[in-house]
Amino acid sequence: HFPMFFLPAEANIAQYAMDMTSFPEYLTQCEFLRKKYQDQIVIKIGSEVDYFPGTLTILQEHLTPFLPRMDYLIGSIHVIHLDGCISFPVDGPDILNKFKEVGEEPIYNEYYRSTIEMVQSGYYNIVGHCDLPKKFGTYYGNLESIRKIQMKFLDAVKENGMAIEINHSGLFLPVKEQYPSDSLIREIIRREIPITFGSDAHRPKNVGMAFDETFSKCLNIAQEFDVDLILAEFSHRILIPHTFSQ
């Protein structure tokens, strides 16, 4: 994860990210491994990068010089700001108290408002873990209202040519499912938005976990809607015909 120093002080969560001295070292190590194993596997180099309204310019000042060495950026939202509250992370344990204090609807609405703004910035390639506030197993209170802004988010992704990550880290967390939910995955595939698979693995043993099952699920959905499944490869797209036999 790219350093988060550009976020508001109360939301600069050091343990979520590298520091600025470590990031160039990370890129150098990735480049070394890509060259070493170039005859065996394809290694893409990228980073998850937080977005927070009003901070894009300072982020670009620090990140843009590294872009020639990178293949992709995963844009994500961890921290939001609500009127009358200090900024807070949507994936911290205190989110359960925030849901009780202000309700789920304002939190999800601000989360997706910021996410749409991130998408429309044109700076990122992929949207990461796009329903993160559910991490502790709390689902949308006013489902209709939140569903409506989720559809606006998907419209923005489609219009801006981005991809959406299917992030498997939620399988090992209280929510016990991937990000995004099955219902959102159905909408993503129906709209023929490119997808990519992510482990977001904080432990080596979780890398690639459940990828086969997720691919089968996504292909079945594509066949149901009679559309092609599009996998993001950053410089191009891999189109899986809906007639593909597993």
Foldseek 3Di string as FASTA:
>chain_A
DDQDPLDPPVERDRVVHDDLVCVVVVLVVQVVVCVVCVVPDHGFFEEEDEDAPPRVVVVCVSCVVCVVSHLFYAYEYQWFDDPPDDIDGLQDPCVVVVCVVPNDLVVLLRRLVRLLVVLVVLPGAEYELSRRSCLQPDDHDPVVNSVVSLVVSLVSCVVSLHEYEFEACSCVTNNNGTRPDPVSLLVCVLSQGAYEYHDPDPDVVSGPPCVVVVVVSSLVSCLVSQHWHWHDPRVDIDTHHNPDDD
